[in-house]
C-alpha atoms as a PDB file:
ATOM      1  CA  MET A   1      18.757 -43.562 -18.628  1.00  0.00           C
ATOM      2  CA  SER A   2      16.976 -46.652 -19.972  1.00  0.00           C
ATOM      3  CA  PRO A   3      13.767 -46.406 -22.028  1.00  0.00           C
ATOM      4  CA  LYS A   4      11.939 -48.065 -19.123  1.00  0.00           C
ATOM      5  CA  HIS A   5      12.924 -45.363 -16.673  1.00  0.00           C
ATOM      6  CA  PHE A   6      12.385 -42.546 -19.147  1.00  0.00           C
ATOM      7  CA  ILE A   7       8.891 -43.686 -20.038  1.00  0.00           C
ATOM      8  CA  GLY A   8       7.941 -44.148 -16.395  1.00  0.00           C
ATOM      9  CA  LEU A   9       9.316 -40.726 -15.618  1.00  0.00           C
ATOM     10  CA  GLY A  10       7.289 -39.384 -18.543  1.00  0.00           C
ATOM     11  CA  ILE A  11       4.093 -40.677 -16.955  1.00  0.00           C
ATOM     12  CA  ILE A  12       5.053 -39.146 -13.642  1.00  0.00           C
ATOM     13  CA  LEU A  13       5.931 -35.810 -15.186  1.00  0.00           C
ATOM     14  CA  LEU A  14       2.727 -35.657 -17.213  1.00  0.00           C
ATOM     15  CA  ALA A  15       0.663 -36.393 -14.161  1.00  0.00           C
ATOM     16  CA  ALA A  16       2.628 -33.871 -12.112  1.00  0.00           C
ATOM     17  CA  VAL A  17       1.957 -31.239 -14.747  1.00  0.00           C
ATOM     18  CA  ALA A  18      -1.750 -32.142 -14.717  1.00  0.00           C
ATOM     19  CA  VAL A  19      -1.869 -31.908 -10.926  1.00  0.00           C
ATOM     20  CA  ALA A  20       0.106 -28.654 -10.955  1.00  0.00           C
ATOM     21  CA  VAL A  21      -2.327 -27.144 -13.436  1.00  0.00           C
ATOM     22  CA  MET A  22      -5.242 -28.096 -11.190  1.00  0.00           C
ATOM     23  CA  VAL A  23      -3.631 -26.437  -8.189  1.00  0.00           C
ATOM     24  CA  ARG A  24      -1.560 -23.736  -9.871  1.00  0.00           C
ATOM     25  CA  GLU A  25      -2.948 -21.076  -7.543  1.00  0.00           C
ATOM     26  CA  GLU A  26      -1.423 -22.923  -4.590  1.00  0.00           C
ATOM     27  CA  SER A  27       1.792 -24.202  -6.132  1.00  0.00           C
ATOM     28  CA  PRO A  28       2.830 -22.914  -9.542  1.00  0.00           C
ATOM     29  CA  ARG A  29       5.616 -24.779 -11.330  1.00  0.00           C
ATOM     30  CA  THR A  30       6.725 -25.505 -14.829  1.00  0.00           C
ATOM     31  CA  ALA A  31       7.396 -28.820 -16.456  1.00  0.00           C
ATOM     32  CA  GLN A  32      11.055 -29.695 -16.877  1.00  0.00           C
ATOM     33  CA  SER A  33      12.684 -32.283 -19.017  1.00  0.00           C
ATOM     34  CA  PRO A  34      13.258 -35.556 -17.158  1.00  0.00           C
ATOM     35  CA  THR A  35      16.988 -34.996 -17.228  1.00  0.00           C
ATOM     36  CA  ALA A  36      16.890 -31.388 -16.070  1.00  0.00           C
ATOM     37  CA  THR A  37      18.486 -30.632 -12.734  1.00  0.00           C
ATOM     38  CA  PRO A  38      16.778 -28.045 -10.572  1.00  0.00           C
ATOM     39  CA  PRO A  39      18.719 -24.815 -10.140  1.00  0.00           C
ATOM     40  CA  PRO A  40      20.877 -24.846  -6.992  1.00  0.00           C
ATOM     41  CA  SER A  41      18.452 -22.510  -5.227  1.00  0.00           C
ATOM     42  CA  GLU A  42      15.509 -24.829  -5.868  1.00  0.00           C
ATOM     43  CA  ALA A  43      15.232 -28.330  -4.413  1.00  0.00           C
ATOM     44  CA  ALA A  44      13.624 -31.156  -6.352  1.00  0.00           C
ATOM     45  CA  PRO A  45       9.953 -31.669  -5.451  1.00  0.00           C
ATOM     46  CA  SER A  46       9.488 -33.935  -2.444  1.00  0.00           C
ATOM     47  CA  LYS A  47       7.318 -34.439   0.629  1.00  0.00           C
ATOM     48  CA  GLU A  48       9.786 -32.373   2.607  1.00  0.00           C
ATOM     49  CA  ASN A  49       9.540 -29.186   0.558  1.00  0.00           C
ATOM     50  CA  VAL A  50       5.817 -28.884  -0.070  1.00  0.00           C
ATOM     51  CA  SER A  51       4.757 -25.254   0.072  1.00  0.00           C
ATOM     52  CA  SER A  52       2.970 -23.992   3.146  1.00  0.00           C
ATOM     53  CA  SER A  53      -0.078 -23.032   1.082  1.00  0.00           C
ATOM     54  CA  VAL A  54      -0.394 -26.623  -0.168  1.00  0.00           C
ATOM     55  CA  ARG A  55      -0.097 -27.919   3.410  1.00  0.00           C
ATOM     56  CA  GLU A  56      -2.761 -25.422   4.529  1.00  0.00           C
ATOM     57  CA  THR A  57      -5.056 -26.481   1.701  1.00  0.00           C
ATOM     58  CA  ILE A  58      -4.588 -30.139   2.652  1.00  0.00           C
ATOM     59  CA  THR A  59      -5.426 -29.345   6.286  1.00  0.00           C
ATOM     60  CA  HIS A  60      -8.542 -27.454   5.196  1.00  0.00           C
ATOM     61  CA  LEU A  61      -9.654 -30.257   2.872  1.00  0.00           C
ATOM     62  CA  ARG A  62      -9.078 -32.877   5.570  1.00  0.00           C
ATOM     63  CA  GLU A  63     -11.445 -30.929   7.811  1.00  0.00           C
ATOM     64  CA  LEU A  64     -14.056 -30.667   5.055  1.00  0.00           C
ATOM     65  CA  VAL A  65     -13.841 -34.409   4.368  1.00  0.00           C
ATOM     66  CA  LYS A  66     -14.031 -35.185   8.080  1.00  0.00           C
ATOM     67  CA  ASN A  67     -17.219 -33.085   8.343  1.00  0.00           C
ATOM     68  CA  ASP A  68     -18.778 -34.560   5.200  1.00  0.00           C
ATOM     69  CA  PRO A  69     -17.181 -37.909   4.297  1.00  0.00           C
ATOM     70  CA  THR A  70     -19.518 -38.376   1.317  1.00  0.00           C
ATOM     71  CA  ASN A  71     -18.598 -35.181  -0.536  1.00  0.00           C
ATOM     72  CA  THR A  72     -16.754 -36.679  -3.478  1.00  0.00           C
ATOM     73  CA  ARG A  73     -15.588 -33.327  -4.788  1.00  0.00           C
ATOM     74  CA  ASN A  74     -13.709 -32.590  -1.565  1.00  0.00           C
ATOM     75  CA  ILE A  75     -12.403 -36.161  -1.311  1.00  0.00           C
ATOM     76  CA  LEU A  76     -10.976 -36.096  -4.828  1.00  0.00           C
ATOM     77  CA  GLU A  77      -9.532 -32.610  -4.373  1.00  0.00           C
ATOM     78  CA  LEU A  78      -7.839 -33.802  -1.186  1.00  0.00           C
ATOM     79  CA  ALA A  79      -6.468 -36.793  -3.120  1.00  0.00           C
ATOM     80  CA  ARG A  80      -5.078 -34.459  -5.797  1.00  0.00           C
ATOM     81  CA  MET A  81      -3.465 -32.192  -3.236  1.00  0.00           C
ATOM     82  CA  LEU A  82      -1.918 -35.155  -1.403  1.00  0.00           C
ATOM     83  CA  GLN A  83      -0.573 -36.429  -4.712  1.00  0.00           C
ATOM     84  CA  ASN A  84       0.844 -32.974  -5.429  1.00  0.00           C
ATOM     85  CA  ALA A  85       2.484 -33.121  -1.988  1.00  0.00           C
ATOM     86  CA  HIS A  86       4.085 -36.491  -2.887  1.00  0.00           C
ATOM     87  CA  ASN A  87       1.971 -38.410  -0.377  1.00  0.00           C
ATOM     88  CA  THR A  88       1.136 -41.156  -2.850  1.00  0.00           C
ATOM     89  CA  GLN A  89      -0.283 -43.838  -0.552  1.00  0.00           C
ATOM     90  CA  GLU A  90      -2.707 -41.505   1.195  1.00  0.00           C
ATOM     91  CA  ALA A  91      -3.665 -39.897  -2.129  1.00  0.00           C
ATOM     92  CA  ALA A  92      -4.446 -43.352  -3.549  1.00  0.00           C
ATOM     93  CA  ASP A  93      -6.628 -44.127  -0.531  1.00  0.00           C
ATOM     94  CA  TYR A  94      -8.667 -40.973  -1.063  1.00  0.00           C
ATOM     95  CA  TYR A  95      -8.920 -41.539  -4.821  1.00  0.00           C
ATOM     96  CA  ALA A  96     -10.236 -45.044  -4.165  1.00  0.00           C
ATOM     97  CA  LYS A  97     -12.778 -43.701  -1.700  1.00  0.00           C
ATOM     98  CA  GLY A  98     -13.934 -40.867  -3.976  1.00  0.00           C
ATOM     99  CA  LEU A  99     -14.183 -43.100  -7.026  1.00  0.00           C
ATOM    100  CA  ALA A 100     -16.077 -45.753  -5.041  1.00  0.00           C
ATOM    101  CA  LEU A 101     -18.605 -43.104  -4.064  1.00  0.00           C
ATOM    102  CA  GLY A 102     -19.201 -42.449  -7.746  1.00  0.00           C
ATOM    103  CA  GLY A 103     -17.675 -39.007  -7.815  1.00  0.00           C
ATOM    104  CA  GLY A 104     -14.856 -39.798 -10.145  1.00  0.00           C
ATOM    105  CA  ASN A 105     -14.221 -38.570 -13.601  1.00  0.00           C
ATOM    106  CA  ASP A 106     -11.621 -39.669 -16.112  1.00  0.00           C
ATOM    107  CA  SER A 107      -9.094 -37.155 -14.834  1.00  0.00           C
ATOM    108  CA  ALA A 108      -9.373 -38.390 -11.240  1.00  0.00           C
ATOM    109  CA  ARG A 109      -9.151 -42.005 -12.388  1.00  0.00           C
ATOM    110  CA  ILE A 110      -6.000 -41.284 -14.402  1.00  0.00           C
ATOM    111  CA  ASP A 111      -4.456 -39.504 -11.411  1.00  0.00           C
ATOM    112  CA  TYR A 112      -5.349 -42.530  -9.281  1.00  0.00           C
ATOM    113  CA  SER A 113      -3.705 -44.811 -11.844  1.00  0.00           C
ATOM    114  CA  LEU A 114      -0.509 -42.789 -11.499  1.00  0.00           C
ATOM    115  CA  CYS A 115      -0.509 -43.294  -7.724  1.00  0.00           C
ATOM    116  CA  LEU A 116      -0.964 -47.016  -8.253  1.00  0.00           C
ATOM    117  CA  PHE A 117       1.860 -47.083 -10.791  1.00  0.00           C
ATOM    118  CA  GLU A 118       4.189 -45.208  -8.446  1.00  0.00           C
ATOM    119  CA  MET A 119       3.443 -47.752  -5.710  1.00  0.00           C
ATOM    120  CA  GLY A 120       4.263 -50.649  -8.045  1.00  0.00           C
ATOM    121  CA  ARG A 121       0.643 -51.778  -8.356  1.00  0.00           C
ATOM    122  CA  ILE A 122       0.927 -52.202 -12.114  1.00  0.00           C
ATOM    123  CA  LYS A 123      -2.139 -54.372 -12.805  1.00  0.00           C
ATOM    124  CA  GLU A 124      -4.377 -51.985 -10.883  1.00  0.00           C
ATOM    125  CA  SER A 125      -2.876 -48.989 -12.674  1.00  0.00           C
ATOM    126  CA  LEU A 126      -3.557 -50.616 -16.032  1.00  0.00           C
ATOM    127  CA  GLU A 127      -7.131 -51.393 -15.006  1.00  0.00           C
ATOM    128  CA  GLN A 128      -7.854 -47.784 -14.017  1.00  0.00           C
ATOM    129  CA  ASN A 129      -6.666 -46.610 -17.444  1.00  0.00           C
ATOM    130  CA  ARG A 130      -8.743 -49.325 -19.125  1.00  0.00           C
ATOM    131  CA  ILE A 131     -11.832 -48.114 -17.275  1.00  0.00           C
ATOM    132  CA  VAL A 132     -11.214 -44.665 -18.744  1.00  0.00           C
ATOM    133  CA  LEU A 133     -10.841 -46.168 -22.215  1.00  0.00           C
ATOM    134  CA  ARG A 134     -14.084 -48.125 -21.855  1.00  0.00           C
ATOM    135  CA  ARG A 135     -15.858 -44.816 -21.269  1.00  0.00           C
ATOM    136  CA  ASN A 136     -13.830 -42.885 -23.820  1.00  0.00           C
ATOM    137  CA  PRO A 137     -11.778 -45.001 -26.252  1.00  0.00           C
ATOM    138  CA  ARG A 138     -10.094 -41.828 -27.544  1.00  0.00           C
ATOM    139  CA  ASN A 139      -8.693 -40.626 -24.210  1.00  0.00           C
ATOM    140  CA  SER A 140      -5.132 -39.687 -25.111  1.00  0.00           C
ATOM    141  CA  GLN A 141      -3.723 -39.797 -21.570  1.00  0.00           C
ATOM    142  CA  ALA A 142      -5.060 -43.306 -20.897  1.00  0.00           C
ATOM    143  CA  LEU A 143      -3.745 -44.549 -24.252  1.00  0.00           C
ATOM    144  CA  TYR A 144      -0.326 -43.078 -23.522  1.00  0.00           C
ATOM    145  CA  ASN A 145      -0.256 -44.425 -19.972  1.00  0.00           C
ATOM    146  CA  ILE A 146      -1.137 -47.977 -20.952  1.00  0.00           C
ATOM    147  CA  GLY A 147       1.546 -47.909 -23.629  1.00  0.00           C
ATOM    148  CA  ALA A 148       4.089 -46.579 -21.140  1.00  0.00           C
ATOM    149  CA  ILE A 149       3.190 -49.142 -18.503  1.00  0.00           C
ATOM    150  CA  HIS A 150       3.567 -51.939 -21.045  1.00  0.00           C
ATOM    151  CA  ALA A 151       6.909 -50.528 -22.187  1.00  0.00           C
ATOM    152  CA  ASN A 152       8.061 -50.364 -18.561  1.00  0.00           C
ATOM    153  CA  THR A 153       7.153 -53.990 -17.984  1.00  0.00           C
ATOM    154  CA  GLY A 154       8.898 -55.197 -21.135  1.00  0.00           C
ATOM    155  CA  ALA A 155       5.733 -55.748 -23.179  1.00  0.00           C
ATOM    156  CA  ARG A 156       6.975 -53.729 -26.147  1.00  0.00           C
ATOM    157  CA  ASP A 157       4.427 -55.144 -28.606  1.00  0.00           C
ATOM    158  CA  SER A 158       1.559 -54.120 -26.333  1.00  0.00           C
ATOM    159  CA  ALA A 159       3.099 -50.687 -25.825  1.00  0.00           C
ATOM    160  CA  GLU A 160       3.300 -50.281 -29.578  1.00  0.00           C
ATOM    161  CA  VAL A 161      -0.391 -51.176 -30.031  1.00  0.00           C
ATOM    162  CA  TYR A 162      -1.562 -48.476 -27.623  1.00  0.00           C
ATOM    163  CA  TRP A 163       0.888 -45.837 -28.778  1.00  0.00           C
ATOM    164  CA  ARG A 164       0.029 -46.444 -32.446  1.00  0.00           C
ATOM    165  CA  ARG A 165      -3.661 -46.111 -31.596  1.00  0.00           C
ATOM    166  CA  LEU A 166      -2.903 -42.826 -29.826  1.00  0.00           C
ATOM    167  CA  ILE A 167      -0.867 -41.541 -32.782  1.00  0.00           C
ATOM    168  CA  SER A 168      -3.585 -42.451 -35.298  1.00  0.00           C
ATOM    169  CA  MET A 169      -6.366 -40.855 -33.237  1.00  0.00           C
ATOM    170  CA  HIS A 170      -4.495 -37.703 -32.179  1.00  0.00           C
ATOM    171  CA  PRO A 171      -1.580 -37.161 -34.589  1.00  0.00           C
ATOM    172  CA  SER A 172      -0.772 -33.612 -33.401  1.00  0.00           C
ATOM    173  CA  ASN A 173      -1.279 -34.226 -29.693  1.00  0.00           C
ATOM    174  CA  GLU A 174       1.846 -33.752 -27.532  1.00  0.00           C
ATOM    175  CA  LEU A 175       1.335 -37.217 -26.038  1.00  0.00           C
ATOM    176  CA  ALA A 176       1.159 -38.730 -29.530  1.00  0.00           C
ATOM    177  CA  LEU A 177       4.375 -36.971 -30.493  1.00  0.00           C
ATOM    178  CA  ARG A 178       6.020 -38.282 -27.337  1.00  0.00           C
ATOM    179  CA  ALA A 179       4.674 -41.779 -28.055  1.00  0.00           C
ATOM    180  CA  GLN A 180       6.183 -41.592 -31.556  1.00  0.00           C
ATOM    181  CA  ARG A 181       9.593 -40.693 -30.129  1.00  0.00           C
ATOM    182  CA  ASN A 182       9.297 -43.496 -27.568  1.00  0.00           C
ATOM    183  CA  LEU A 183       8.401 -46.008 -30.288  1.00  0.00           C
ATOM    184  CA  GLU A 184      11.445 -44.998 -32.314  1.00  0.00           C
ATOM    185  CA  SER A 185      13.656 -45.447 -29.261  1.00  0.00           C
ATOM    186  CA  LEU A 186      12.136 -48.812 -28.395  1.00  0.00           C
ATOM    187  CA  LYS A 187      12.603 -50.094 -31.946  1.00  0.00           C
ATOM    188  CA  ALA A 188      16.217 -48.946 -31.997  1.00  0.00           C
ATOM    189  CA  HIS A 189      16.752 -50.480 -28.533  1.00  0.00           C
ATOM    190  CA  VAL A 190      18.571 -47.386 -27.424  1.00  0.00           C
ATOM    191  CA  PRO A 191      17.963 -45.239 -24.369  1.00  0.00           C
ATOM    192  CA  VAL A 192      15.625 -42.358 -24.989  1.00  0.00           C
ATOM    193  CA  PRO A 193      17.502 -39.051 -24.690  1.00  0.00           C
END
Protein backbone atom coordinates (compact mmCIF):
# COMPACT_ATOMS: atom_id res chain seq x y z
CA MET A 1 0.00 0.00 0.00
CA SER A 2 1.45 3.39 -0.96
CA PRO A 3 1.94 6.18 1.61
CA LYS A 4 -0.77 8.15 -0.20
CA HIS A 5 -3.37 5.45 0.29
CA PHE A 6 -2.28 4.68 3.84
CA ILE A 7 -2.48 8.30 4.93
CA GLY A 8 -5.88 8.77 3.30
CA LEU A 9 -7.09 5.60 4.96
CA GLY A 10 -5.72 6.95 8.24
CA ILE A 11 -7.93 10.02 7.93
CA ILE A 12 -10.92 7.87 7.14
CA LEU A 13 -10.27 5.52 10.03
CA LEU A 14 -9.77 8.35 12.50
CA ALA A 15 -12.99 9.97 11.44
CA ALA A 16 -14.81 6.63 11.55
CA VAL A 17 -13.58 6.10 15.09
CA ALA A 18 -14.73 9.62 16.02
CA VAL A 19 -18.16 9.00 14.49
CA ALA A 20 -18.38 5.56 16.13
CA VAL A 21 -17.61 7.07 19.51
CA MET A 22 -20.38 9.63 19.03
CA VAL A 23 -22.90 6.92 18.20
CA ARG A 24 -21.48 3.98 20.13
CA GLU A 25 -24.86 3.25 21.70
CA GLU A 26 -26.28 2.60 18.24
CA SER A 27 -23.32 0.94 16.55
CA PRO A 28 -20.35 -0.10 18.66
CA ARG A 29 -17.16 -1.03 16.83
CA THR A 30 -13.46 -0.98 17.41
CA ALA A 31 -10.77 0.59 15.33
CA GLN A 32 -8.74 -1.82 13.23
CA SER A 33 -5.45 -1.36 11.52
CA PRO A 34 -5.84 -0.27 7.89
CA THR A 35 -4.54 -3.60 6.70
CA ALA A 36 -6.70 -5.73 8.97
CA THR A 37 -9.23 -7.97 7.30
CA PRO A 38 -12.57 -8.37 9.03
CA PRO A 39 -13.20 -11.83 10.45
CA PRO A 40 -15.12 -14.06 8.00
CA SER A 41 -18.30 -13.68 10.05
CA GLU A 42 -18.14 -9.88 9.87
CA ALA A 43 -18.44 -7.91 6.64
CA ALA A 44 -16.48 -4.71 6.08
CA PRO A 45 -18.51 -1.59 6.90
CA SER A 46 -20.61 -0.40 3.97
CA LYS A 47 -23.95 1.17 3.11
CA GLU A 48 -25.38 -2.30 2.69
CA ASN A 49 -24.67 -3.58 6.19
CA VAL A 50 -25.63 -0.63 8.36
CA SER A 51 -27.28 -1.83 11.55
CA SER A 52 -31.03 -1.57 11.88
CA SER A 53 -30.68 0.69 14.92
CA VAL A 54 -28.61 3.16 12.89
CA ARG A 55 -31.21 3.09 10.10
CA GLU A 56 -33.97 3.68 12.68
CA THR A 57 -32.05 6.57 14.20
CA ILE A 58 -31.57 8.11 10.74
CA THR A 59 -35.31 7.78 10.03
CA HIS A 60 -36.12 9.41 13.37
CA LEU A 61 -33.66 12.25 12.79
CA ARG A 62 -34.98 12.84 9.28
CA GLU A 63 -38.43 13.32 10.78
CA LEU A 64 -37.11 15.72 13.42
CA VAL A 65 -35.27 17.76 10.77
CA LYS A 66 -38.34 17.77 8.53
CA ASN A 67 -40.43 19.14 11.43
CA ASP A 68 -37.83 21.72 12.45
CA PRO A 69 -35.40 22.45 9.60
CA THR A 70 -33.54 25.07 11.66
CA ASN A 71 -32.56 22.81 14.56
CA THR A 72 -28.84 22.61 13.97
CA ARG A 73 -28.29 19.98 16.63
CA ASN A 74 -30.61 17.54 14.86
CA ILE A 75 -29.23 18.45 11.43
CA LEU A 76 -25.64 17.80 12.48
CA GLU A 77 -26.57 14.60 14.30
CA LEU A 78 -28.33 13.40 11.16
CA ALA A 79 -25.20 14.27 9.16
CA ARG A 80 -23.06 12.24 11.57
CA MET A 81 -25.38 9.26 11.41
CA LEU A 82 -25.47 9.39 7.60
CA GLN A 83 -21.68 9.53 7.56
CA ASN A 84 -21.59 6.54 9.92
CA ALA A 85 -23.92 4.76 7.48
CA HIS A 86 -21.49 5.50 4.61
CA ASN A 87 -23.89 7.90 2.90
CA THR A 88 -21.20 10.51 2.32
CA GLN A 89 -22.91 12.82 -0.18
CA GLU A 90 -26.08 13.20 1.87
CA ALA A 91 -24.04 13.59 5.07
CA ALA A 92 -22.03 16.39 3.43
CA ASP A 93 -25.26 18.13 2.40
CA TYR A 94 -26.54 18.09 5.97
CA TYR A 95 -23.19 19.20 7.39
CA ALA A 96 -23.18 22.14 4.98
CA LYS A 97 -26.71 23.06 5.99
CA GLY A 98 -26.04 22.76 9.74
CA LEU A 99 -22.78 24.69 9.55
CA ALA A 100 -24.41 27.41 7.43
CA LEU A 101 -27.05 27.82 10.13
CA GLY A 102 -24.26 28.51 12.61
CA GLY A 103 -24.69 25.34 14.60
CA GLY A 104 -21.34 23.86 13.83
CA ASN A 105 -18.46 23.19 16.10
CA ASP A 106 -14.95 22.08 15.27
CA SER A 107 -15.88 18.42 15.49
CA ALA A 108 -18.73 18.78 12.99
CA ARG A 109 -16.53 20.82 10.65
CA ILE A 110 -13.80 18.16 10.75
CA ASP A 111 -16.37 15.45 10.04
CA TYR A 112 -17.63 17.55 7.13
CA SER A 113 -14.07 17.89 5.84
CA LEU A 114 -13.78 14.10 5.81
CA CYS A 115 -16.91 13.80 3.67
CA LEU A 116 -15.48 16.35 1.27
CA PHE A 117 -12.17 14.49 1.14
CA GLU A 118 -13.91 11.18 0.46
CA MET A 119 -15.79 12.79 -2.43
CA GLY A 120 -12.55 14.12 -3.93
CA ARG A 121 -13.31 17.74 -3.05
CA ILE A 122 -9.79 18.33 -1.75
CA LYS A 123 -9.68 22.15 -1.74
CA GLU A 124 -12.95 22.33 0.19
CA SER A 125 -11.74 19.70 2.65
CA LEU A 126 -8.57 21.69 3.27
CA GLU A 127 -10.58 24.87 3.78
CA GLN A 128 -12.83 23.27 6.41
CA ASN A 129 -9.76 22.17 8.37
CA ARG A 130 -8.24 25.65 7.99
CA ILE A 131 -11.41 27.19 9.43
CA VAL A 132 -10.95 24.97 12.48
CA LEU A 133 -7.32 26.05 12.78
CA ARG A 134 -8.27 29.73 12.55
CA ARG A 135 -10.47 29.22 15.60
CA ASN A 136 -8.07 26.88 17.37
CA PRO A 137 -4.52 26.78 15.96
CA ARG A 138 -3.73 23.83 18.25
CA ASN A 139 -6.48 21.50 17.00
CA SER A 140 -4.63 18.22 16.56
CA GLN A 141 -7.15 16.59 14.21
CA ALA A 142 -7.16 19.54 11.80
CA LEU A 143 -3.35 19.70 11.82
CA TYR A 144 -3.14 15.98 11.10
CA ASN A 145 -5.79 16.13 8.38
CA ILE A 146 -4.18 19.00 6.51
CA GLY A 147 -0.84 17.20 6.61
CA ALA A 148 -2.46 14.00 5.35
CA ILE A 149 -4.31 15.76 2.56
CA HIS A 150 -1.08 17.42 1.43
CA ALA A 151 0.75 14.09 1.56
CA ASN A 152 -2.03 12.50 -0.51
CA THR A 153 -1.75 15.19 -3.16
CA GLY A 154 2.03 14.94 -3.39
CA ALA A 155 2.78 18.14 -1.46
CA ARG A 156 5.21 16.45 0.92
CA ASP A 157 6.83 19.70 2.10
CA SER A 158 3.44 21.10 3.10
CA ALA A 159 2.52 17.84 4.82
CA GLU A 160 5.74 18.03 6.78
CA VAL A 161 5.01 21.60 7.94
CA TYR A 162 1.63 20.66 9.41
CA TRP A 163 2.76 17.36 10.89
CA ARG A 164 5.82 18.97 12.51
CA ARG A 165 3.57 21.64 14.00
CA LEU A 166 1.30 18.91 15.36
CA ILE A 167 4.25 16.99 16.82
CA SER A 168 5.70 20.10 18.49
CA MET A 169 2.35 21.14 19.99
CA HIS A 170 1.16 17.68 21.09
CA PRO A 171 4.21 15.38 21.33
CA SER A 172 2.38 12.54 23.14
CA ASN A 173 -0.85 12.73 21.17
CA GLU A 174 -1.70 9.59 19.15
CA LEU A 175 -2.12 11.72 16.03
CA ALA A 176 1.32 13.26 16.57
CA LEU A 177 2.84 9.80 16.94
CA ARG A 178 1.12 8.72 13.74
CA ALA A 179 2.31 11.89 11.99
CA GLN A 180 5.88 11.10 13.09
CA ARG A 181 5.66 7.61 11.60
CA ASN A 182 4.18 9.03 8.40
CA LEU A 183 6.98 11.59 8.13
CA GLU A 184 9.60 8.86 8.50
CA SER A 185 7.91 6.85 5.76
CA LEU A 186 7.62 9.84 3.45
CA LYS A 187 11.29 10.73 3.91
CA ALA A 188 12.35 7.16 3.21
CA HIS A 189 10.01 7.05 0.19
CA VAL A 190 8.78 3.66 1.24
CA PRO A 191 5.22 2.48 1.73
CA VAL A 192 3.98 2.85 5.27
CA PRO A 193 3.42 -0.58 6.83
